């Protein structure tokens, strides 16, 4: 979303903080690439929005990862929108 002063804002969502950040950075990169420029992050904000506490979510994910490694499966309460990363960025030459 274009904002005053030549800055932009985008939001990425993901199952993990890294996934959400990657989605937001990809959107910022695409916006600036259209102008033949590169993005520069001005500000970044992360919010956890899951249905269980963040620490419980991490523990469930770790248990699921361990079970998958051992060939099992553990149900989780996480979703692909548990984390939200909002970037404020500008495009520079």
Protein backbone atom coordinates (compact mmCIF):
# COMPACT_ATOMS: atom_id res chain seq x y z
CA UNK A 1 0.00 0.00 0.00
CA UNK A 2 1.54 3.35 -1.01
CA UNK A 3 1.87 5.89 1.80
CA UNK A 4 2.99 9.49 2.16
CA UNK A 5 6.64 10.36 1.70
CA UNK A 6 7.31 7.66 -0.90
CA UNK A 7 6.96 4.85 1.61
CA UNK A 8 4.95 1.65 1.30
CA UNK A 9 3.41 -0.82 3.73
CA UNK A 10 2.86 -4.53 3.23
CA UNK A 11 1.83 -7.41 5.46
CA UNK A 12 2.88 -11.05 5.29
CA UNK A 13 1.29 -14.01 7.07
CA UNK A 14 2.76 -17.38 7.92
CA UNK A 15 2.78 -20.42 10.17
CA UNK A 16 6.09 -19.21 11.62
CA UNK A 17 7.57 -15.77 12.12
CA UNK A 18 10.15 -16.55 9.42
CA UNK A 19 7.43 -17.56 6.93
CA UNK A 20 5.48 -14.36 7.59
CA UNK A 21 8.61 -12.23 7.25
CA UNK A 22 9.55 -13.98 4.00
CA UNK A 23 6.06 -13.29 2.57
CA UNK A 24 6.27 -9.60 3.50
CA UNK A 25 9.79 -9.25 2.09
CA UNK A 26 8.73 -10.96 -1.14
CA UNK A 27 5.87 -8.46 -1.56
CA UNK A 28 8.21 -5.50 -0.86
CA UNK A 29 10.74 -6.86 -3.36
CA UNK A 30 8.05 -7.27 -6.04
CA UNK A 31 6.74 -3.73 -5.51
CA UNK A 32 10.17 -2.16 -5.89
CA UNK A 33 11.26 -4.45 -8.75
CA UNK A 34 8.37 -3.04 -10.82
CA UNK A 35 10.10 0.33 -10.52
CA UNK A 36 13.55 -1.10 -11.23
CA UNK A 37 14.60 -0.37 -7.64
CA UNK A 38 15.42 -2.29 -4.47
CA UNK A 39 13.51 -2.11 -1.21
CA UNK A 40 14.80 -0.67 2.06
CA UNK A 41 12.95 -1.61 5.23
CA UNK A 42 12.11 1.41 7.38
CA UNK A 43 10.24 -0.46 10.14
CA UNK A 44 9.09 -4.00 10.86
CA UNK A 45 6.43 -5.19 13.30
CA UNK A 46 5.57 -8.81 14.16
CA UNK A 47 2.35 -9.98 15.81
CA UNK A 48 1.45 -13.49 16.95
CA UNK A 49 -2.23 -14.18 16.26
CA UNK A 50 -2.56 -17.92 16.92
CA UNK A 51 -5.38 -19.64 18.82
CA UNK A 52 -3.07 -20.91 21.58
CA UNK A 53 -0.25 -19.09 23.35
CA UNK A 54 2.92 -18.58 21.35
CA UNK A 55 4.98 -20.84 23.65
CA UNK A 56 2.36 -23.61 23.43
CA UNK A 57 2.34 -23.27 19.66
CA UNK A 58 6.15 -23.59 19.56
CA UNK A 59 6.02 -26.71 21.75
CA UNK A 60 3.31 -28.30 19.60
CA UNK A 61 5.29 -27.52 16.44
CA UNK A 62 8.46 -29.01 17.94
CA UNK A 63 6.55 -32.16 18.94
CA UNK A 64 5.09 -32.40 15.44
CA UNK A 65 8.52 -31.95 13.83
CA UNK A 66 9.98 -34.68 16.07
CA UNK A 67 7.07 -37.02 15.34
CA UNK A 68 7.42 -36.41 11.59
CA UNK A 69 11.13 -37.22 11.81
CA UNK A 70 10.23 -40.49 13.56
CA UNK A 71 7.54 -41.27 11.00
CA UNK A 72 4.56 -40.26 13.13
CA UNK A 73 2.07 -37.43 13.19
CA UNK A 74 0.90 -35.06 15.94
CA UNK A 75 -2.10 -32.78 15.33
CA UNK A 76 -1.45 -29.08 15.90
CA UNK A 77 -3.52 -25.97 16.37
CA UNK A 78 -1.27 -23.80 14.24
CA UNK A 79 -2.41 -22.21 11.02
CA UNK A 80 -0.82 -20.53 8.04
CA UNK A 81 -1.75 -17.13 9.47
CA UNK A 82 -0.46 -17.45 13.05
CA UNK A 83 2.13 -14.73 12.51
CA UNK A 84 1.68 -11.33 10.89
CA UNK A 85 4.65 -9.22 9.83
CA UNK A 86 4.01 -5.64 8.70
CA UNK A 87 6.80 -3.87 6.86
CA UNK A 88 7.14 -0.16 6.20
CA UNK A 89 9.59 0.25 3.32
CA UNK A 90 10.77 2.53 0.57
CA UNK A 91 12.19 1.86 -2.88
CA UNK A 92 15.70 3.11 -3.62
CA UNK A 93 17.80 3.17 -6.78
